[in-house]
Amino acid sequence: MMGKLLFHAGQTAEAADRFLTKHRLAFSVLLALALSGALALYNVSSGPLSNLNDIGGWSNRALFIVMSAFVHASMLMLCALLSRVRFSRTALRQVILTAGVYIMLLAINQKTYIYVNVMQPLVREMDAGFGTGMRAHSTLSAPAKLLVYAITRGPVYDMYLLKLFAIGCYLLIALLVVRAADCAGLGVRAEVLLALCMILPQGFMNAACSALVEIAALALLGAALMLRFDSGRIKTLAAPACYGAACALCGACLLALPVMIDKKKWKHQAGVMAGVMIALCMPAVLGGMPIGDAAGSLFGAVLGVPVYAGGAPGIANLIPRAVVEEIAQYAPILRHLPEIDTLTNAQEHYTQMHYEIVMRGFAWAGLAAYAGVWALVCSWQEKPVLHRALALTLCALIVCPGVTSGAWLAADLLCLYAILADGKLRLPACLVLFATMTSCSYPMTEEVMLPMVYAFVLCLGALLMLLDVIPMGRGEESHD
């Protein structure tokens, strides 16, 4: 009797799944509206948006809740459009995205150092007029300034608008990764990648905390990589155009240049990229920014995510900046350093001068190491371009002291691309993702899951795998 009941229940569930899958799009839209509406109602009562410190009254809070619900619902509907799987898996993806939205909204009130000292002064300059904002001194590129101006002209406090924009871009990155996973035929692993994207450094509340518009560059880079991955089904101009826009917003995206340029069509692709970058600079030039400054800003701007928020396991972050008495855990090591500042008869302790001297040494050593890896990679003939690009990128991020943590966010996207495109690269790519994820701290308490030194060791191990010093094992065939 029980067996018959289970058999009939299984048949009923199968029939229901077939019916729901047949009308997947309609039911997915209904689920998207239900999930976004439920989160909006929760925000009205006691959710993350129930107490916004600087919103300016209930009417503005209601407007912002509606705006966040619109972004949430739009991304859930886009998830349904991009997915080509059963309704049950589409629904699971929408639930994962909803959980990610809730997590990122938890930090919507958090004012970080980078917002107060980088973004807010620029926005205040823009309040005086478009031309004044374009001419204001900032580390942002000219197209990024234009984007900031467009976002912050809304009726709600600019910090909330910037954070909501960052959350939307981050969700788009996750959806592009899932789309590429479906194209690769990874099955249920696509949902695993989606869950992974919710806890990468550029997510897990950091998107809501930092309020950086350069996250749009990562979204465009993700679109370019996805189009490159699925190049047989798209037009040639789409990928270089998206990549050119990404590089215009953030110079760190240039790390992906070897992957995006095809040897046979590199002149055509480079022309498209350069044309897009120049076109995006023109509004700032028309607003009064000198053309030389606008062009120079394209290569000087990087994602300014602070180390504690981004997770940057490079060699520079292993070197202490303060005296021994302030950093007790380094005392046993630094006591063995000889007195360096003999001219001023300084005390035998580690000072900022010692830090600068050590950093100069590491800079030269890093340059030598990178030159050696570059020569080795150039000698490879049988390796796919993605393997070479990932090795060079990871080496640069590890050994170069001047690399910011924002550059690691672009490397994370390259690692996700490697997981999808080449099975042989999955182990080192996952090591890098795990290292950056666990060395990224909780924004409010600055607690980390993994100390920076261990994250550095994991990234170094991944680099040694890419250089064939440590065997990676056999993987699936590359898509390149």
Protein backbone atom coordinates (compact mmCIF):
# COMPACT_ATOMS: atom_id res chain seq x y z
CA MET A 1 0.00 0.00 0.00
CA MET A 2 2.76 2.40 0.98
CA GLY A 3 4.65 1.52 -2.21
CA LYS A 4 1.62 2.34 -4.36
CA LEU A 5 1.16 5.66 -2.59
CA LEU A 6 4.81 6.54 -3.12
CA PHE A 7 4.55 5.50 -6.78
CA HIS A 8 1.47 7.67 -7.37
CA ALA A 9 3.05 10.56 -5.47
CA GLY A 10 6.13 10.30 -7.66
CA GLN A 11 4.01 10.29 -10.81
CA THR A 12 2.06 13.31 -9.58
CA ALA A 13 5.26 15.19 -8.78
CA GLU A 14 6.64 14.31 -12.21
CA ALA A 15 3.51 15.53 -13.95
CA ALA A 16 3.54 18.74 -11.90
CA ASP A 17 7.20 19.31 -12.75
CA ARG A 18 6.49 18.82 -16.47
CA PHE A 19 3.57 21.26 -16.30
CA LEU A 20 5.57 23.87 -14.41
CA THR A 21 8.53 23.48 -16.76
CA LYS A 22 6.25 23.84 -19.81
CA HIS A 23 5.06 27.20 -18.45
CA ARG A 24 8.39 27.95 -16.75
CA LEU A 25 8.64 31.59 -17.75
CA ALA A 26 5.17 32.55 -16.51
CA PHE A 27 5.60 30.77 -13.16
CA SER A 28 9.12 32.17 -12.78
CA VAL A 29 7.79 35.71 -13.22
CA LEU A 30 5.08 35.05 -10.63
CA LEU A 31 7.68 33.68 -8.21
CA ALA A 32 9.91 36.70 -8.84
CA LEU A 33 7.08 39.07 -8.00
CA ALA A 34 6.20 37.04 -4.90
CA LEU A 35 9.77 36.94 -3.58
CA SER A 36 10.48 40.62 -4.24
CA GLY A 37 7.12 41.62 -2.79
CA ALA A 38 7.64 39.52 0.33
CA LEU A 39 11.09 41.06 0.93
CA ALA A 40 9.66 44.55 0.36
CA LEU A 41 6.91 43.95 2.92
CA TYR A 42 9.49 42.63 5.36
CA ASN A 43 11.54 45.79 4.79
CA VAL A 44 8.50 47.90 5.64
CA SER A 45 8.11 46.22 9.02
CA SER A 46 11.43 44.99 10.40
CA GLY A 47 13.77 44.18 7.50
CA PRO A 48 17.14 45.71 6.59
CA LEU A 49 15.43 48.82 5.15
CA SER A 50 13.16 49.40 8.14
CA ASN A 51 15.59 51.86 9.74
CA LEU A 52 17.51 54.00 7.24
CA ASN A 53 19.48 56.65 9.11
CA ASP A 54 19.80 59.32 6.41
CA ILE A 55 16.83 58.64 4.17
CA GLY A 56 14.94 61.82 5.11
CA GLY A 57 11.47 60.67 6.12
CA TRP A 58 8.94 57.92 5.47
CA SER A 59 8.16 59.01 1.89
CA ASN A 60 11.81 58.65 0.86
CA ARG A 61 12.08 55.32 2.68
CA ALA A 62 8.98 54.02 0.89
CA LEU A 63 10.42 55.18 -2.43
CA PHE A 64 13.72 53.43 -1.75
CA ILE A 65 11.96 50.21 -0.73
CA VAL A 66 10.07 50.32 -4.03
CA MET A 67 13.32 50.94 -5.91
CA SER A 68 15.06 48.03 -4.19
CA ALA A 69 12.06 45.78 -4.89
CA PHE A 70 12.22 46.81 -8.56
CA VAL A 71 15.93 45.92 -8.79
CA HIS A 72 15.28 42.65 -6.97
CA ALA A 73 12.35 41.67 -9.19
CA SER A 74 14.21 42.68 -12.37
CA MET A 75 17.15 40.45 -11.53
CA LEU A 76 14.88 37.52 -10.67
CA MET A 77 13.07 37.92 -14.00
CA LEU A 78 16.39 38.16 -15.81
CA CYS A 79 17.37 34.93 -14.06
CA ALA A 80 14.29 33.28 -15.56
CA LEU A 81 15.09 34.63 -19.03
CA LEU A 82 18.73 33.54 -18.96
CA SER A 83 18.06 30.10 -17.48
CA ARG A 84 17.34 27.15 -19.76
CA VAL A 85 16.61 24.57 -17.08
CA ARG A 86 13.61 23.06 -15.31
CA PHE A 87 11.36 25.27 -13.24
CA SER A 88 12.52 23.69 -9.99
CA ARG A 89 16.14 24.71 -10.69
CA THR A 90 15.09 28.17 -11.86
CA ALA A 91 13.12 28.62 -8.64
CA LEU A 92 16.14 27.50 -6.61
CA ARG A 93 18.27 30.12 -8.36
CA GLN A 94 15.73 32.81 -7.60
CA VAL A 95 15.70 31.82 -3.93
CA ILE A 96 19.52 31.95 -3.79
CA LEU A 97 19.49 35.41 -5.38
CA THR A 98 16.87 36.58 -2.87
CA ALA A 99 19.06 35.37 -0.01
CA GLY A 100 21.96 37.30 -1.55
CA VAL A 101 19.88 40.48 -1.80
CA TYR A 102 18.89 40.18 1.86
CA ILE A 103 22.49 39.66 2.95
CA MET A 104 23.75 42.66 1.01
CA LEU A 105 20.96 44.93 2.24
CA LEU A 106 22.04 44.27 5.83
CA ALA A 107 24.94 46.72 5.39
CA ILE A 108 22.96 49.43 3.62
CA ASN A 109 23.46 51.90 6.51
CA GLN A 110 27.18 51.24 6.89
CA LYS A 111 29.35 54.27 6.01
CA THR A 112 32.75 52.97 5.03
CA TYR A 113 36.01 54.88 4.88
CA ILE A 114 36.09 54.73 1.11
CA TYR A 115 32.61 56.20 0.74
CA VAL A 116 33.21 59.05 3.19
CA ASN A 117 36.66 59.95 1.84
CA VAL A 118 36.39 59.10 -1.87
CA MET A 119 32.82 59.05 -3.07
CA GLN A 120 31.10 61.64 -0.89
CA PRO A 121 33.47 64.55 -1.67
CA LEU A 122 33.06 63.83 -5.37
CA VAL A 123 29.27 63.78 -5.10
CA ARG A 124 29.32 67.09 -3.24
CA GLU A 125 31.37 68.59 -6.07
CA MET A 126 28.83 67.24 -8.56
CA ASP A 127 26.01 68.88 -6.65
CA ALA A 128 27.49 72.20 -7.77
CA GLY A 129 27.09 71.25 -11.44
CA PHE A 130 28.08 68.69 -14.08
CA GLY A 131 31.19 70.57 -15.22
CA THR A 132 32.42 71.09 -11.66
CA GLY A 133 32.01 67.39 -10.91
CA MET A 134 33.88 66.33 -14.06
CA ARG A 135 36.81 68.60 -13.21
CA ALA A 136 36.95 67.49 -9.56
CA HIS A 137 40.09 65.66 -8.44
CA SER A 138 39.37 61.95 -8.00
CA THR A 139 40.94 58.54 -8.57
CA LEU A 140 37.91 57.57 -10.67
CA SER A 141 38.12 57.51 -14.45
CA ALA A 142 36.20 60.06 -16.50
CA PRO A 143 33.46 57.55 -17.54
CA ALA A 144 33.15 56.43 -13.90
CA LYS A 145 32.58 60.05 -12.85
CA LEU A 146 29.87 60.33 -15.47
CA LEU A 147 28.22 57.21 -14.05
CA VAL A 148 28.40 58.60 -10.51
CA TYR A 149 26.72 61.78 -11.68
CA ALA A 150 23.91 59.84 -13.37
CA ILE A 151 23.25 57.64 -10.32
CA THR A 152 23.30 60.33 -7.65
CA ARG A 153 20.82 62.69 -9.29
CA GLY A 154 17.90 60.75 -7.79
CA PRO A 155 15.62 61.97 -4.98
CA VAL A 156 17.11 59.63 -2.35
CA TYR A 157 20.36 60.11 -0.39
CA ASP A 158 23.26 59.39 -2.77
CA MET A 159 24.85 56.70 -0.59
CA TYR A 160 21.75 54.50 -0.79
CA LEU A 161 21.47 55.00 -4.56
CA LEU A 162 25.13 54.04 -5.10
CA LYS A 163 24.79 50.98 -2.88
CA LEU A 164 21.62 49.81 -4.62
CA PHE A 165 23.34 50.22 -7.99
CA ALA A 166 26.31 48.15 -6.73
CA ILE A 167 23.98 45.40 -5.51
CA GLY A 168 22.21 45.26 -8.88
CA CYS A 169 25.52 45.02 -10.75
CA TYR A 170 26.74 42.29 -8.44
CA LEU A 171 23.59 40.23 -8.98
CA LEU A 172 24.08 40.66 -12.73
CA ILE A 173 27.60 39.24 -12.41
CA ALA A 174 26.21 36.18 -10.65
CA LEU A 175 23.58 35.66 -13.36
CA LEU A 176 26.17 35.92 -16.13
CA VAL A 177 28.27 33.27 -14.40
CA VAL A 178 25.24 30.96 -14.19
CA ARG A 179 24.45 31.56 -17.86
CA ALA A 180 27.98 30.62 -18.83
CA ALA A 181 27.73 27.52 -16.62
CA ASP A 182 24.57 26.47 -18.46
CA CYS A 183 26.35 26.95 -21.79
CA ALA A 184 29.15 24.70 -20.52
CA GLY A 185 26.65 22.02 -19.52
CA LEU A 186 27.72 21.92 -15.87
CA GLY A 187 24.29 20.87 -14.62
CA VAL A 188 23.57 21.46 -10.96
CA ARG A 189 27.07 22.89 -10.52
CA ALA A 190 25.64 26.12 -11.96
CA GLU A 191 23.64 26.58 -8.76
CA VAL A 192 26.77 25.89 -6.73
CA LEU A 193 28.58 28.63 -8.64
CA LEU A 194 25.66 30.98 -8.02
CA ALA A 195 25.86 30.34 -4.28
CA LEU A 196 29.63 30.85 -4.49
CA CYS A 197 29.14 34.23 -6.16
CA MET A 198 27.06 35.36 -3.19
CA ILE A 199 30.09 35.04 -0.89
CA LEU A 200 32.91 36.28 -3.12
CA PRO A 201 34.76 39.42 -1.94
CA GLN A 202 32.83 41.71 -4.27
CA GLY A 203 29.65 40.41 -2.64
CA PHE A 204 28.73 39.26 0.87
CA MET A 205 27.70 42.71 2.07
CA ASN A 206 30.73 44.39 0.53
CA ALA A 207 28.72 45.46 -2.53
CA ALA A 208 26.35 47.27 -0.20
CA CYS A 209 29.14 48.58 2.04
CA SER A 210 31.54 50.08 -0.48
CA ALA A 211 29.11 51.95 -2.78
CA LEU A 212 31.66 51.80 -5.63
CA VAL A 213 30.44 52.44 -9.15
CA GLU A 214 33.39 50.51 -10.59
CA ILE A 215 31.43 47.35 -9.78
CA ALA A 216 29.73 48.15 -13.10
CA ALA A 217 33.11 47.51 -14.74
CA LEU A 218 33.13 44.01 -13.30
CA ALA A 219 29.59 43.43 -14.58
CA LEU A 220 30.69 44.52 -18.06
CA LEU A 221 33.81 42.36 -17.77
CA GLY A 222 31.61 39.42 -16.80
CA ALA A 223 29.41 40.07 -19.85
CA ALA A 224 32.49 40.23 -22.10
CA LEU A 225 33.90 36.99 -20.69
CA MET A 226 30.53 35.26 -21.04
CA LEU A 227 30.26 36.40 -24.66
CA ARG A 228 33.83 35.29 -25.27
CA PHE A 229 33.02 31.93 -23.71
CA ASP A 230 29.92 31.58 -25.90
CA SER A 231 31.57 33.23 -28.91
CA GLY A 232 30.04 30.89 -31.44
CA ARG A 233 26.58 32.33 -30.84
CA ILE A 234 27.20 36.07 -30.71
CA LYS A 235 28.46 38.78 -33.00
CA THR A 236 32.14 39.63 -33.01
CA LEU A 237 31.70 43.22 -31.84
CA ALA A 238 29.73 42.46 -28.67
CA ALA A 239 32.56 41.11 -26.50
CA PRO A 240 35.21 43.79 -27.30
CA ALA A 241 32.59 46.55 -26.93
CA CYS A 242 31.64 45.34 -23.44
CA TYR A 243 35.28 44.90 -22.56
CA GLY A 244 36.17 48.39 -23.77
CA ALA A 245 33.42 49.85 -21.58
CA ALA A 246 34.70 47.82 -18.61
CA CYS A 247 38.27 49.10 -19.07
CA ALA A 248 36.95 52.65 -19.40
CA LEU A 249 35.29 52.39 -15.99
CA CYS A 250 38.15 50.60 -14.24
CA GLY A 251 41.75 50.09 -15.29
CA ALA A 252 41.98 46.84 -13.30
CA CYS A 253 39.96 45.11 -16.05
CA LEU A 254 43.05 45.34 -18.29
CA LEU A 255 44.23 42.22 -16.44
CA ALA A 256 41.90 40.21 -18.69
CA LEU A 257 43.38 41.64 -21.91
CA PRO A 258 45.17 38.43 -23.02
CA VAL A 259 41.92 36.49 -22.78
CA MET A 260 39.82 39.03 -24.66
CA ILE A 261 42.13 39.62 -27.64
CA ASP A 262 42.09 37.12 -30.50
CA LYS A 263 45.38 36.88 -32.36
CA LYS A 264 43.64 36.71 -35.75
CA LYS A 265 41.36 39.70 -35.16
CA TRP A 266 43.28 41.71 -32.60
CA LYS A 267 43.46 44.89 -34.69
CA HIS A 268 39.72 44.94 -35.26
CA GLN A 269 38.95 44.14 -31.61
CA ALA A 270 41.45 46.69 -30.30
CA GLY A 271 39.89 49.34 -32.53
CA VAL A 272 36.42 48.59 -31.15
CA MET A 273 37.70 48.72 -27.57
CA ALA A 274 39.55 51.98 -28.11
CA GLY A 275 36.53 53.52 -29.85
CA VAL A 276 34.23 52.64 -26.95
CA MET A 277 36.69 54.01 -24.38
CA ILE A 278 37.09 57.29 -26.29
CA ALA A 279 33.33 57.64 -26.76
CA LEU A 280 32.71 57.19 -23.03
CA CYS A 281 35.26 59.93 -22.28
CA MET A 282 33.64 62.50 -24.56
CA PRO A 283 30.83 63.62 -22.17
CA ALA A 284 33.45 64.44 -19.51
CA VAL A 285 35.53 66.34 -22.07
CA LEU A 286 32.46 68.29 -23.15
CA GLY A 287 31.81 69.02 -19.46
CA GLY A 288 35.16 70.77 -19.11
CA MET A 289 37.67 68.02 -18.27
CA PRO A 290 40.91 68.41 -20.26
CA ILE A 291 41.21 65.70 -22.89
CA GLY A 292 44.62 64.64 -21.57
CA ASP A 293 43.27 64.17 -18.05
CA ALA A 294 40.29 62.20 -19.38
CA ALA A 295 42.55 59.86 -21.35
CA GLY A 296 45.01 59.45 -18.48
CA SER A 297 42.24 58.61 -16.02
CA LEU A 298 41.44 55.46 -18.00
CA PHE A 299 44.70 53.83 -16.96
CA GLY A 300 45.13 55.31 -13.50
CA ALA A 301 41.78 54.28 -12.02
CA VAL A 302 41.45 51.04 -10.08
CA LEU A 303 38.82 49.59 -7.81
CA GLY A 304 39.49 51.30 -4.50
CA VAL A 305 38.13 48.57 -2.26
CA PRO A 306 40.11 48.66 1.01
CA VAL A 307 42.18 45.63 1.93
CA TYR A 308 40.01 44.67 4.90
CA ALA A 309 36.92 44.53 2.70
CA GLY A 310 38.33 43.06 -0.48
CA GLY A 311 40.68 40.31 0.61
CA ALA A 312 44.06 40.95 -1.04
CA PRO A 313 46.55 38.17 -0.23
CA GLY A 314 49.53 39.80 -1.93
CA ILE A 315 53.05 40.03 -0.59
CA ALA A 316 52.63 43.69 0.43
CA ASN A 317 49.86 42.88 2.89
CA LEU A 318 52.10 40.46 4.78
CA ILE A 319 54.52 43.23 5.75
CA PRO A 320 53.56 45.11 8.94
CA ARG A 321 53.32 48.90 8.81
CA ALA A 322 53.51 49.78 12.53
CA VAL A 323 56.04 49.37 15.32
CA VAL A 324 56.48 46.07 17.12
CA GLU A 325 54.69 47.29 20.23
CA GLU A 326 51.51 47.89 18.18
CA ILE A 327 51.56 44.57 16.34
CA ALA A 328 52.40 41.94 18.92
CA GLN A 329 52.13 38.94 16.59
CA TYR A 330 55.08 40.19 14.52
CA ALA A 331 57.36 40.86 17.49
CA PRO A 332 59.20 37.49 17.46
CA ILE A 333 60.12 37.99 13.80
CA LEU A 334 61.00 41.67 13.84
CA ARG A 335 63.24 41.50 16.91
CA HIS A 336 65.85 39.90 14.68
CA LEU A 337 65.92 42.88 12.29
CA PRO A 338 69.12 44.91 12.72
CA GLU A 339 69.04 48.63 13.30
CA ILE A 340 68.64 50.25 9.87
CA ASP A 341 68.38 53.97 10.63
CA THR A 342 71.93 54.46 11.94
CA LEU A 343 72.20 58.13 10.89
CA THR A 344 69.55 59.32 13.35
CA ASN A 345 70.49 56.90 16.14
CA ALA A 346 66.91 55.63 16.20
CA GLN A 347 65.86 52.90 18.59
CA GLU A 348 66.04 49.31 17.43
CA HIS A 349 62.43 48.82 16.55
CA TYR A 350 60.45 48.52 13.37
CA THR A 351 59.37 51.93 12.05
CA GLN A 352 57.75 53.31 8.93
CA MET A 353 61.23 53.90 7.52
CA HIS A 354 62.03 50.22 7.91
CA TYR A 355 58.74 49.40 6.16
CA GLU A 356 59.62 51.61 3.18
CA ILE A 357 63.08 50.06 2.85
CA VAL A 358 61.67 46.54 2.99
CA MET A 359 59.00 47.48 0.46
CA ARG A 360 61.61 48.80 -1.98
CA GLY A 361 63.41 45.48 -1.75
CA PHE A 362 60.23 43.55 -2.34
CA ALA A 363 59.39 45.81 -5.30
CA TRP A 364 62.63 44.91 -7.07
CA ALA A 365 62.30 41.24 -6.14
CA GLY A 366 58.70 41.22 -7.37
CA LEU A 367 59.70 42.81 -10.68
CA ALA A 368 62.42 40.18 -11.15
CA ALA A 369 60.00 37.35 -10.32
CA TYR A 370 57.37 38.71 -12.68
CA ALA A 371 59.92 39.08 -15.49
CA GLY A 372 60.95 35.45 -14.98
CA VAL A 373 57.36 34.20 -15.05
CA TRP A 374 56.65 36.36 -18.12
CA ALA A 375 59.63 34.79 -19.95
CA LEU A 376 58.47 31.31 -18.96
CA VAL A 377 54.88 31.92 -20.07
CA CYS A 378 56.01 33.39 -23.40
CA SER A 379 57.94 30.18 -24.09
CA TRP A 380 54.78 28.08 -23.78
CA GLN A 381 53.37 27.00 -27.11
CA GLU A 382 50.90 24.28 -26.21
CA LYS A 383 49.15 26.06 -23.32
CA PRO A 384 45.78 27.77 -24.01
CA VAL A 385 45.66 31.55 -23.72
CA LEU A 386 43.49 31.40 -20.58
CA HIS A 387 46.14 29.34 -18.77
CA ARG A 388 48.84 31.88 -19.65
CA ALA A 389 46.70 34.89 -18.78
CA LEU A 390 45.73 33.46 -15.40
CA ALA A 391 49.36 32.65 -14.56
CA LEU A 392 50.55 36.17 -15.43
CA THR A 393 47.65 37.84 -13.61
CA LEU A 394 48.10 35.80 -10.44
CA CYS A 395 51.85 36.37 -10.45
CA ALA A 396 51.38 40.13 -10.81
CA LEU A 397 48.85 40.27 -7.97
CA ILE A 398 51.03 38.20 -5.64
CA VAL A 399 54.46 39.78 -6.11
CA CYS A 400 53.78 43.42 -7.08
CA PRO A 401 53.48 45.63 -3.96
CA GLY A 402 51.47 48.36 -5.69
CA VAL A 403 48.51 46.14 -6.61
CA THR A 404 45.29 47.10 -4.83
CA SER A 405 42.72 44.67 -3.54
CA GLY A 406 40.32 45.84 -6.22
CA ALA A 407 42.45 44.18 -8.87
CA TRP A 408 41.80 40.86 -7.14
CA LEU A 409 38.10 41.28 -7.89
CA ALA A 410 38.84 41.22 -11.60
CA ALA A 411 41.03 38.16 -10.98
CA ASP A 412 38.09 36.46 -9.27
CA LEU A 413 36.07 36.82 -12.46
CA LEU A 414 38.93 35.32 -14.45
CA CYS A 415 38.97 32.40 -12.01
CA LEU A 416 35.23 31.86 -12.45
CA TYR A 417 35.77 31.96 -16.21
CA ALA A 418 38.58 29.40 -15.85
CA ILE A 419 36.33 27.08 -13.84
CA LEU A 420 33.80 27.16 -16.68
CA ALA A 421 36.14 27.12 -19.67
CA ASP A 422 38.94 24.72 -18.73
CA GLY A 423 38.63 21.77 -16.37
CA LYS A 424 42.40 21.65 -15.86
CA LEU A 425 42.35 25.09 -14.27
CA ARG A 426 39.54 24.44 -11.81
CA LEU A 427 41.71 23.46 -8.84
CA PRO A 428 44.03 26.53 -8.86
CA ALA A 429 41.08 28.80 -9.68
CA CYS A 430 39.09 27.44 -6.73
CA LEU A 431 42.11 27.92 -4.46
CA VAL A 432 42.30 31.60 -5.42
CA LEU A 433 38.57 32.07 -4.93
CA PHE A 434 38.70 30.40 -1.52
CA ALA A 435 41.71 32.50 -0.48
CA THR A 436 40.16 35.82 -1.45
CA MET A 437 36.79 34.85 0.01
CA THR A 438 38.12 33.80 3.41
CA SER A 439 40.64 36.64 3.76
CA CYS A 440 37.80 39.10 3.16
CA SER A 441 36.51 40.30 6.51
CA TYR A 442 33.07 40.97 7.84
CA PRO A 443 32.71 44.70 7.16
CA MET A 444 31.51 45.78 10.59
CA THR A 445 33.85 43.79 12.86
CA GLU A 446 36.78 43.20 10.46
CA GLU A 447 36.88 39.53 11.49
CA VAL A 448 38.38 37.14 8.93
CA MET A 449 37.92 33.40 8.47
CA LEU A 450 41.48 32.86 7.26
CA PRO A 451 44.56 34.95 8.20
CA MET A 452 46.15 36.76 5.28
CA VAL A 453 49.35 34.71 5.42
CA TYR A 454 47.47 31.45 4.82
CA ALA A 455 45.48 33.03 2.00
CA PHE A 456 48.79 34.11 0.46
CA VAL A 457 50.12 30.55 0.69
CA LEU A 458 47.01 29.24 -1.10
CA CYS A 459 47.42 31.77 -3.91
CA LEU A 460 51.12 30.95 -4.17
CA GLY A 461 50.23 27.27 -4.41
CA ALA A 462 47.75 28.06 -7.18
CA LEU A 463 50.47 29.97 -9.07
CA LEU A 464 52.88 27.03 -8.73
CA MET A 465 50.15 24.78 -10.18
CA LEU A 466 49.69 27.12 -13.13
CA LEU A 467 53.47 27.09 -13.67
CA ASP A 468 53.48 23.26 -13.58
CA VAL A 469 55.74 23.19 -10.52
CA ILE A 470 52.91 21.41 -8.69
CA PRO A 471 50.90 19.00 -10.87
CA MET A 472 47.25 19.98 -11.32
CA GLY A 473 46.01 16.58 -12.43
CA ARG A 474 43.94 15.81 -15.48
CA GLY A 475 40.86 17.87 -16.30
CA GLU A 476 38.29 18.31 -18.99
CA GLU A 477 39.07 19.67 -22.40
CA SER A 478 39.44 23.42 -22.78
CA HIS A 479 36.86 25.52 -24.57
CA ASP A 480 39.48 27.89 -25.96
